[in-house]
Amino acid sequence: MNEDNSVIESSEIEGMSVAEKLRTMEQLWDALSRDSHEVASPAWHGDVLAQRKRRAERGEAKFLTLDQLRARLRSQGAWR
């Protein structure tokens, strides 16, 4: 961190292990979740959700089980 301990420098992030980076991300998401009332979702988020809901209502949406999702992510190298 810099001298006032308020910001993590890029070089510090680069020096972190993957586990440390993930823990840091989790801490950030937890903090953002607590302050979520201060962050407005962009309008396009609502548009995407409405489109997905319409597709589901028309029976056009495809859903995966958790096992299917894991298999897909593994095949893409995104899940270990």
Protein backbone atom coordinates (compact mmCIF):
# COMPACT_ATOMS: atom_id res chain seq x y z
CA MET A 1 0.00 0.00 0.00
CA ASN A 2 1.07 3.56 -0.46
CA GLU A 3 2.06 5.79 2.42
CA ASP A 4 -1.51 6.59 3.52
CA ASN A 5 -2.57 2.90 3.31
CA SER A 6 -5.56 3.76 1.12
CA VAL A 7 -4.64 2.29 -2.25
CA ILE A 8 -2.97 -0.90 -3.36
CA GLU A 9 -0.32 -0.20 -5.95
CA SER A 10 -0.30 -2.20 -9.20
CA SER A 11 3.12 -3.61 -8.36
CA GLU A 12 1.73 -5.00 -5.09
CA ILE A 13 -1.11 -6.70 -6.93
CA GLU A 14 1.34 -8.24 -9.39
CA GLY A 15 3.32 -9.62 -6.46
CA MET A 16 0.30 -11.36 -4.94
CA SER A 17 -0.36 -15.04 -5.34
CA VAL A 18 -3.59 -16.05 -7.09
CA ALA A 19 -5.08 -16.97 -3.70
CA GLU A 20 -4.21 -13.53 -2.32
CA LYS A 21 -5.73 -11.82 -5.37
CA LEU A 22 -8.94 -13.84 -4.98
CA ARG A 23 -9.18 -13.02 -1.27
CA THR A 24 -8.68 -9.34 -2.09
CA MET A 25 -11.39 -9.48 -4.75
CA GLU A 26 -13.76 -11.16 -2.30
CA GLN A 27 -13.10 -8.42 0.24
CA LEU A 28 -13.78 -5.76 -2.40
CA TRP A 29 -17.04 -7.42 -3.47
CA ASP A 30 -18.13 -7.71 0.17
CA ALA A 31 -17.42 -4.02 0.72
CA LEU A 32 -19.20 -3.03 -2.51
CA SER A 33 -22.19 -5.20 -1.57
CA ARG A 34 -22.55 -3.38 1.73
CA ASP A 35 -22.52 -0.08 -0.14
CA SER A 36 -24.65 -1.25 -3.07
CA HIS A 37 -27.24 1.48 -2.46
CA GLU A 38 -24.56 3.97 -3.51
CA VAL A 39 -23.99 2.32 -6.89
CA ALA A 40 -26.73 2.57 -9.47
CA SER A 41 -26.97 -0.17 -12.07
CA PRO A 42 -26.73 1.11 -15.61
CA ALA A 43 -29.99 1.11 -17.58
CA TRP A 44 -28.71 -1.58 -19.93
CA HIS A 45 -28.64 -4.07 -17.02
CA GLY A 46 -32.42 -3.79 -16.78
CA ASP A 47 -32.71 -4.19 -20.54
CA VAL A 48 -30.65 -7.39 -20.51
CA LEU A 49 -32.67 -8.83 -17.63
CA ALA A 50 -35.95 -7.99 -19.38
CA GLN A 51 -34.74 -9.69 -22.59
CA ARG A 52 -33.72 -12.80 -20.67
CA LYS A 53 -37.05 -12.92 -18.87
CA ARG A 54 -38.96 -12.68 -22.18
CA ARG A 55 -36.85 -15.50 -23.65
CA ALA A 56 -37.53 -17.67 -20.60
CA GLU A 57 -41.27 -16.93 -20.76
CA ARG A 58 -41.33 -17.89 -24.46
CA GLY A 59 -39.47 -21.12 -23.69
CA GLU A 60 -36.46 -20.00 -25.75
CA ALA A 61 -33.97 -19.86 -22.89
CA LYS A 62 -31.57 -22.73 -22.28
CA PHE A 63 -30.65 -23.59 -18.73
CA LEU A 64 -27.73 -25.63 -17.47
CA THR A 65 -27.45 -27.73 -14.36
CA LEU A 66 -24.57 -26.86 -12.07
CA ASP A 67 -22.73 -29.99 -13.25
CA GLN A 68 -23.21 -28.98 -16.91
CA LEU A 69 -21.91 -25.49 -16.16
CA ARG A 70 -18.86 -26.86 -14.38
CA ALA A 71 -18.13 -29.21 -17.30
CA ARG A 72 -18.42 -26.32 -19.77
CA LEU A 73 -16.12 -24.12 -17.71
CA ARG A 74 -13.60 -26.95 -17.33
CA SER A 75 -13.57 -27.54 -21.08
CA GLN A 76 -12.86 -23.83 -21.59
CA GLY A 77 -10.07 -23.89 -19.02
CA ALA A 78 -11.97 -21.50 -16.76
CA TRP A 79 -12.64 -23.99 -13.95
CA ARG A 80 -10.25 -26.34 -12.23
